[in-house]
Amino acid sequence: MAAKTQVLKVSGMSCNHCVNAVKSAVSSLGVDSVEVELKSGNVTVSYDTDKVTEEAIKNAIVEEGYTVE
């Protein structure tokens, strides 16, 4: 198991609905944890790199309509 914590900068989030959409999309990938800070746009994800890729996390966020910077 290769644990990793990644902080992604996400733009386009403006409300709690946005926060929940990002959390739900990323959580569905099987990550260990996901925290979304609306004000800063930071999304902190802890995951096992043997099970989830950074690219998959970014794609899940983009599919919800947000931009990963």
PDB file of N, CA and C in Angstrom:
ATOM      1  N   MET A   1       0.845  -1.185   0.000  1.00  0.00           N
ATOM      2  CA  MET A   1       0.000   0.000   0.000  1.00  0.00           C
ATOM      3  C   MET A   1       0.887   1.243   0.000  1.00  0.00           C
ATOM      4  N   ALA A   2       0.625   2.120  -0.936  1.00  0.00           N
ATOM      5  CA  ALA A   2       1.360   3.375  -1.018  1.00  0.00           C
ATOM      6  C   ALA A   2       0.391   4.514  -0.740  1.00  0.00           C
ATOM      7  N   ALA A   3       0.400   4.978   0.498  1.00  0.00           N
ATOM      8  CA  ALA A   3      -0.517   6.050   0.886  1.00  0.00           C
ATOM      9  C   ALA A   3       0.018   7.391   0.412  1.00  0.00           C
ATOM     10  N   LYS A   4      -0.886   8.227  -0.056  1.00  0.00           N
ATOM     11  CA  LYS A   4      -0.509   9.551  -0.535  1.00  0.00           C
ATOM     12  C   LYS A   4      -1.590  10.541  -0.147  1.00  0.00           C
ATOM     13  N   THR A   5      -1.168  11.735   0.213  1.00  0.00           N
ATOM     14  CA  THR A   5      -2.102  12.831   0.446  1.00  0.00           C
ATOM     15  C   THR A   5      -1.781  13.914  -0.566  1.00  0.00           C
ATOM     16  N   GLN A   6      -2.783  14.318  -1.302  1.00  0.00           N
ATOM     17  CA  GLN A   6      -2.626  15.275  -2.399  1.00  0.00           C
ATOM     18  C   GLN A   6      -3.553  16.455  -2.165  1.00  0.00           C
ATOM     19  N   VAL A   7      -3.050  17.659  -2.377  1.00  0.00           N
ATOM     20  CA  VAL A   7      -3.885  18.856  -2.308  1.00  0.00           C
ATOM     21  C   VAL A   7      -4.045  19.386  -3.727  1.00  0.00           C
ATOM     22  N   LEU A   8      -5.288  19.455  -4.170  1.00  0.00           N
ATOM     23  CA  LEU A   8      -5.597  19.956  -5.507  1.00  0.00           C
ATOM     24  C   LEU A   8      -6.298  21.298  -5.384  1.00  0.00           C
ATOM     25  N   LYS A   9      -5.994  22.194  -6.283  1.00  0.00           N
ATOM     26  CA  LYS A   9      -6.656  23.501  -6.332  1.00  0.00           C
ATOM     27  C   LYS A   9      -7.784  23.380  -7.347  1.00  0.00           C
ATOM     28  N   VAL A  10      -9.015  23.592  -6.886  1.00  0.00           N
ATOM     29  CA  VAL A  10     -10.191  23.427  -7.739  1.00  0.00           C
ATOM     30  C   VAL A  10     -10.924  24.761  -7.836  1.00  0.00           C
ATOM     31  N   SER A  11     -11.263  25.152  -9.048  1.00  0.00           N
ATOM     32  CA  SER A  11     -12.020  26.390  -9.230  1.00  0.00           C
ATOM     33  C   SER A  11     -13.409  26.073  -9.763  1.00  0.00           C
ATOM     34  N   GLY A  12     -14.323  26.994  -9.515  1.00  0.00           N
ATOM     35  CA  GLY A  12     -15.699  26.836  -9.978  1.00  0.00           C
ATOM     36  C   GLY A  12     -16.669  26.460  -8.881  1.00  0.00           C
ATOM     37  N   MET A  13     -16.158  26.197  -7.670  1.00  0.00           N
ATOM     38  CA  MET A  13     -17.038  25.857  -6.552  1.00  0.00           C
ATOM     39  C   MET A  13     -17.519  27.149  -5.899  1.00  0.00           C
ATOM     40  N   SER A  14     -18.836  27.247  -5.670  1.00  0.00           N
ATOM     41  CA  SER A  14     -19.364  28.489  -5.110  1.00  0.00           C
ATOM     42  C   SER A  14     -20.303  28.297  -3.919  1.00  0.00           C
ATOM     43  N   CYS A  15     -20.647  27.041  -3.614  1.00  0.00           N
ATOM     44  CA  CYS A  15     -21.610  26.817  -2.531  1.00  0.00           C
ATOM     45  C   CYS A  15     -21.421  25.424  -1.938  1.00  0.00           C
ATOM     46  N   ASN A  16     -22.204  25.125  -0.907  1.00  0.00           N
ATOM     47  CA  ASN A  16     -22.104  23.815  -0.257  1.00  0.00           C
ATOM     48  C   ASN A  16     -22.514  22.679  -1.181  1.00  0.00           C
ATOM     49  N   HIS A  17     -23.406  22.956  -2.117  1.00  0.00           N
ATOM     50  CA  HIS A  17     -23.768  21.930  -3.098  1.00  0.00           C
ATOM     51  C   HIS A  17     -22.530  21.528  -3.904  1.00  0.00           C
ATOM     52  N   CYS A  18     -21.726  22.502  -4.277  1.00  0.00           N
ATOM     53  CA  CYS A  18     -20.489  22.236  -5.021  1.00  0.00           C
ATOM     54  C   CYS A  18     -19.540  21.372  -4.185  1.00  0.00           C
ATOM     55  N   VAL A  19     -19.402  21.729  -2.922  1.00  0.00           N
ATOM     56  CA  VAL A  19     -18.539  20.974  -2.008  1.00  0.00           C
ATOM     57  C   VAL A  19     -18.999  19.524  -1.944  1.00  0.00           C
ATOM     58  N   ASN A  20     -20.299  19.316  -1.765  1.00  0.00           N
ATOM     59  CA  ASN A  20     -20.839  17.959  -1.668  1.00  0.00           C
ATOM     60  C   ASN A  20     -20.678  17.186  -2.969  1.00  0.00           C
ATOM     61  N   ALA A  21     -20.817  17.861  -4.103  1.00  0.00           N
ATOM     62  CA  ALA A  21     -20.659  17.198  -5.402  1.00  0.00           C
ATOM     63  C   ALA A  21     -19.231  16.703  -5.577  1.00  0.00           C
ATOM     64  N   VAL A  22     -18.264  17.531  -5.214  1.00  0.00           N
ATOM     65  CA  VAL A  22     -16.855  17.138  -5.333  1.00  0.00           C
ATOM     66  C   VAL A  22     -16.541  16.008  -4.357  1.00  0.00           C
ATOM     67  N   LYS A  23     -16.996  16.140  -3.110  1.00  0.00           N
ATOM     68  CA  LYS A  23     -16.758  15.091  -2.110  1.00  0.00           C
ATOM     69  C   LYS A  23     -17.333  13.757  -2.571  1.00  0.00           C
ATOM     70  N   SER A  24     -18.550  13.776  -3.058  1.00  0.00           N
ATOM     71  CA  SER A  24     -19.221  12.558  -3.496  1.00  0.00           C
ATOM     72  C   SER A  24     -18.498  11.917  -4.674  1.00  0.00           C
ATOM     73  N   ALA A  25     -18.119  12.731  -5.651  1.00  0.00           N
ATOM     74  CA  ALA A  25     -17.448  12.208  -6.846  1.00  0.00           C
ATOM     75  C   ALA A  25     -16.113  11.570  -6.497  1.00  0.00           C
ATOM     76  N   VAL A  26     -15.344  12.241  -5.652  1.00  0.00           N
ATOM     77  CA  VAL A  26     -14.021  11.721  -5.286  1.00  0.00           C
ATOM     78  C   VAL A  26     -14.158  10.519  -4.350  1.00  0.00           C
ATOM     79  N   SER A  27     -15.080  10.586  -3.407  1.00  0.00           N
ATOM     80  CA  SER A  27     -15.286   9.471  -2.470  1.00  0.00           C
ATOM     81  C   SER A  27     -15.680   8.189  -3.185  1.00  0.00           C
ATOM     82  N   SER A  28     -16.433   8.322  -4.267  1.00  0.00           N
ATOM     83  CA  SER A  28     -16.901   7.141  -4.999  1.00  0.00           C
ATOM     84  C   SER A  28     -15.756   6.344  -5.620  1.00  0.00           C
ATOM     85  N   LEU A  29     -14.571   6.938  -5.688  1.00  0.00           N
ATOM     86  CA  LEU A  29     -13.409   6.245  -6.252  1.00  0.00           C
ATOM     87  C   LEU A  29     -12.766   5.293  -5.252  1.00  0.00           C
ATOM     88  N   GLY A  30     -13.146   5.404  -3.981  1.00  0.00           N
ATOM     89  CA  GLY A  30     -12.577   4.534  -2.963  1.00  0.00           C
ATOM     90  C   GLY A  30     -11.378   5.138  -2.253  1.00  0.00           C
ATOM     91  N   VAL A  31     -11.329   6.470  -2.172  1.00  0.00           N
ATOM     92  CA  VAL A  31     -10.233   7.131  -1.470  1.00  0.00           C
ATOM     93  C   VAL A  31     -10.413   6.972   0.036  1.00  0.00           C
ATOM     94  N   ASP A  32      -9.339   7.198   0.790  1.00  0.00           N
ATOM     95  CA  ASP A  32      -9.407   7.087   2.244  1.00  0.00           C
ATOM     96  C   ASP A  32     -10.155   8.268   2.857  1.00  0.00           C
ATOM     97  N   SER A  33      -9.894   9.477   2.347  1.00  0.00           N
ATOM     98  CA  SER A  33     -10.603  10.656   2.844  1.00  0.00           C
ATOM     99  C   SER A  33     -10.533  11.776   1.819  1.00  0.00           C
ATOM    100  N   VAL A  34     -11.499  12.674   1.904  1.00  0.00           N
ATOM    101  CA  VAL A  34     -11.510  13.864   1.048  1.00  0.00           C
ATOM    102  C   VAL A  34     -12.078  15.031   1.851  1.00  0.00           C
ATOM    103  N   GLU A  35     -11.351  16.129   1.854  1.00  0.00           N
ATOM    104  CA  GLU A  35     -11.786  17.352   2.527  1.00  0.00           C
ATOM    105  C   GLU A  35     -11.809  18.466   1.492  1.00  0.00           C
ATOM    106  N   VAL A  36     -12.887  19.232   1.470  1.00  0.00           N
ATOM    107  CA  VAL A  36     -13.036  20.318   0.505  1.00  0.00           C
ATOM    108  C   VAL A  36     -13.187  21.630   1.260  1.00  0.00           C
ATOM    109  N   GLU A  37     -12.333  22.589   0.942  1.00  0.00           N
ATOM    110  CA  GLU A  37     -12.405  23.924   1.531  1.00  0.00           C
ATOM    111  C   GLU A  37     -12.938  24.877   0.468  1.00  0.00           C
ATOM    112  N   LEU A  38     -14.172  25.303   0.651  1.00  0.00           N
ATOM    113  CA  LEU A  38     -14.836  26.146  -0.341  1.00  0.00           C
ATOM    114  C   LEU A  38     -14.106  27.469  -0.560  1.00  0.00           C
ATOM    115  N   LYS A  39     -13.731  28.128   0.521  1.00  0.00           N
ATOM    116  CA  LYS A  39     -13.124  29.461   0.425  1.00  0.00           C
ATOM    117  C   LYS A  39     -11.809  29.439  -0.354  1.00  0.00           C
ATOM    118  N   SER A  40     -10.942  28.480  -0.055  1.00  0.00           N
ATOM    119  CA  SER A  40      -9.630  28.417  -0.706  1.00  0.00           C
ATOM    120  C   SER A  40      -9.657  27.646  -2.019  1.00  0.00           C
ATOM    121  N   GLY A  41     -10.650  26.775  -2.171  1.00  0.00           N
ATOM    122  CA  GLY A  41     -10.706  25.920  -3.348  1.00  0.00           C
ATOM    123  C   GLY A  41      -9.816  24.697  -3.238  1.00  0.00           C
ATOM    124  N   ASN A  42      -9.253  24.469  -2.049  1.00  0.00           N
ATOM    125  CA  ASN A  42      -8.376  23.317  -1.861  1.00  0.00           C
ATOM    126  C   ASN A  42      -9.180  22.049  -1.603  1.00  0.00           C
ATOM    127  N   VAL A  43      -8.794  20.998  -2.305  1.00  0.00           N
ATOM    128  CA  VAL A  43      -9.376  19.678  -2.092  1.00  0.00           C
ATOM    129  C   VAL A  43      -8.228  18.768  -1.671  1.00  0.00           C
ATOM    130  N   THR A  44      -8.285  18.275  -0.441  1.00  0.00           N
ATOM    131  CA  THR A  44      -7.236  17.417   0.093  1.00  0.00           C
ATOM    132  C   THR A  44      -7.740  15.980   0.072  1.00  0.00           C
ATOM    133  N   VAL A  45      -7.002  15.126  -0.625  1.00  0.00           N
ATOM    134  CA  VAL A  45      -7.416  13.739  -0.805  1.00  0.00           C
ATOM    135  C   VAL A  45      -6.319  12.816  -0.296  1.00  0.00           C
ATOM    136  N   SER A  46      -6.694  11.864   0.545  1.00  0.00           N
ATOM    137  CA  SER A  46      -5.778  10.814   0.987  1.00  0.00           C
ATOM    138  C   SER A  46      -6.234   9.519   0.344  1.00  0.00           C
ATOM    139  N   TYR A  47      -5.285   8.821  -0.285  1.00  0.00           N
ATOM    140  CA  TYR A  47      -5.661   7.619  -1.019  1.00  0.00           C
ATOM    141  C   TYR A  47      -4.488   6.664  -1.163  1.00  0.00           C
ATOM    142  N   ASP A  48      -4.810   5.447  -1.551  1.00  0.00           N
ATOM    143  CA  ASP A  48      -3.829   4.397  -1.803  1.00  0.00           C
ATOM    144  C   ASP A  48      -3.512   4.427  -3.296  1.00  0.00           C
ATOM    145  N   THR A  49      -2.267   4.731  -3.638  1.00  0.00           N
ATOM    146  CA  THR A  49      -1.891   4.853  -5.051  1.00  0.00           C
ATOM    147  C   THR A  49      -1.950   3.519  -5.794  1.00  0.00           C
ATOM    148  N   ASP A  50      -2.059   2.425  -5.064  1.00  0.00           N
ATOM    149  CA  ASP A  50      -2.223   1.119  -5.714  1.00  0.00           C
ATOM    150  C   ASP A  50      -3.663   0.905  -6.178  1.00  0.00           C
ATOM    151  N   LYS A  51      -4.590   1.707  -5.635  1.00  0.00           N
ATOM    152  CA  LYS A  51      -6.011   1.542  -5.952  1.00  0.00           C
ATOM    153  C   LYS A  51      -6.603   2.699  -6.748  1.00  0.00           C
ATOM    154  N   VAL A  52      -6.086   3.909  -6.531  1.00  0.00           N
ATOM    155  CA  VAL A  52      -6.636   5.113  -7.159  1.00  0.00           C
ATOM    156  C   VAL A  52      -5.484   5.952  -7.698  1.00  0.00           C
ATOM    157  N   THR A  53      -5.679   6.527  -8.877  1.00  0.00           N
ATOM    158  CA  THR A  53      -4.645   7.396  -9.443  1.00  0.00           C
ATOM    159  C   THR A  53      -5.032   8.863  -9.280  1.00  0.00           C
ATOM    160  N   GLU A  54      -4.026   9.711  -9.303  1.00  0.00           N
ATOM    161  CA  GLU A  54      -4.280  11.155  -9.247  1.00  0.00           C
ATOM    162  C   GLU A  54      -5.117  11.578 -10.450  1.00  0.00           C
ATOM    163  N   GLU A  55      -4.841  10.983 -11.588  1.00  0.00           N
ATOM    164  CA  GLU A  55      -5.583  11.304 -12.811  1.00  0.00           C
ATOM    165  C   GLU A  55      -7.070  10.976 -12.656  1.00  0.00           C
ATOM    166  N   ALA A  56      -7.382   9.843 -12.030  1.00  0.00           N
ATOM    167  CA  ALA A  56      -8.783   9.459 -11.815  1.00  0.00           C
ATOM    168  C   ALA A  56      -9.486  10.461 -10.902  1.00  0.00           C
ATOM    169  N   ILE A  57      -8.781  10.936  -9.890  1.00  0.00           N
ATOM    170  CA  ILE A  57      -9.350  11.927  -8.972  1.00  0.00           C
ATOM    171  C   ILE A  57      -9.643  13.223  -9.721  1.00  0.00           C
ATOM    172  N   LYS A  58      -8.670  13.679 -10.495  1.00  0.00           N
ATOM    173  CA  LYS A  58      -8.857  14.909 -11.276  1.00  0.00           C
ATOM    174  C   LYS A  58     -10.017  14.760 -12.261  1.00  0.00           C
ATOM    175  N   ASN A  59     -10.087  13.620 -12.931  1.00  0.00           N
ATOM    176  CA  ASN A  59     -11.165  13.390 -13.898  1.00  0.00           C
ATOM    177  C   ASN A  59     -12.535  13.408 -13.229  1.00  0.00           C
ATOM    178  N   ALA A  60     -12.638  12.836 -12.032  1.00  0.00           N
ATOM    179  CA  ALA A  60     -13.916  12.816 -11.309  1.00  0.00           C
ATOM    180  C   ALA A  60     -14.374  14.238 -10.993  1.00  0.00           C
ATOM    181  N   ILE A  61     -13.432  15.102 -10.642  1.00  0.00           N
ATOM    182  CA  ILE A  61     -13.765  16.498 -10.333  1.00  0.00           C
ATOM    183  C   ILE A  61     -14.190  17.233 -11.598  1.00  0.00           C
ATOM    184  N   VAL A  62     -13.451  17.024 -12.677  1.00  0.00           N
ATOM    185  CA  VAL A  62     -13.760  17.674 -13.957  1.00  0.00           C
ATOM    186  C   VAL A  62     -15.128  17.234 -14.469  1.00  0.00           C
ATOM    187  N   GLU A  63     -15.452  15.948 -14.311  1.00  0.00           N
ATOM    188  CA  GLU A  63     -16.742  15.430 -14.767  1.00  0.00           C
ATOM    189  C   GLU A  63     -17.911  16.083 -14.026  1.00  0.00           C
ATOM    190  N   GLU A  64     -17.657  16.603 -12.829  1.00  0.00           N
ATOM    191  CA  GLU A  64     -18.696  17.309 -12.069  1.00  0.00           C
ATOM    192  C   GLU A  64     -18.832  18.760 -12.525  1.00  0.00           C
ATOM    193  N   GLY A  65     -17.941  19.198 -13.415  1.00  0.00           N
ATOM    194  CA  GLY A  65     -18.050  20.548 -13.966  1.00  0.00           C
ATOM    195  C   GLY A  65     -17.101  21.574 -13.374  1.00  0.00           C
ATOM    196  N   TYR A  66     -16.094  21.113 -12.638  1.00  0.00           N
ATOM    197  CA  TYR A  66     -15.146  22.024 -12.006  1.00  0.00           C
ATOM    198  C   TYR A  66     -13.786  21.907 -12.688  1.00  0.00           C
ATOM    199  N   THR A  67     -12.924  22.872 -12.435  1.00  0.00           N
ATOM    200  CA  THR A  67     -11.605  22.900 -13.057  1.00  0.00           C
ATOM    201  C   THR A  67     -10.538  22.618 -12.016  1.00  0.00           C
ATOM    202  N   VAL A  68      -9.644  21.683 -12.325  1.00  0.00           N
ATOM    203  CA  VAL A  68      -8.497  21.413 -11.466  1.00  0.00           C
ATOM    204  C   VAL A  68      -7.329  22.199 -12.040  1.00  0.00           C
ATOM    205  N   GLU A  69      -6.802  23.103 -11.235  1.00  0.00           N
ATOM    206  CA  GLU A  69      -5.724  23.973 -11.714  1.00  0.00           C
ATOM    207  C   GLU A  69      -4.366  23.318 -11.571  1.00  0.00           C
TER     208      GLU A  69
END
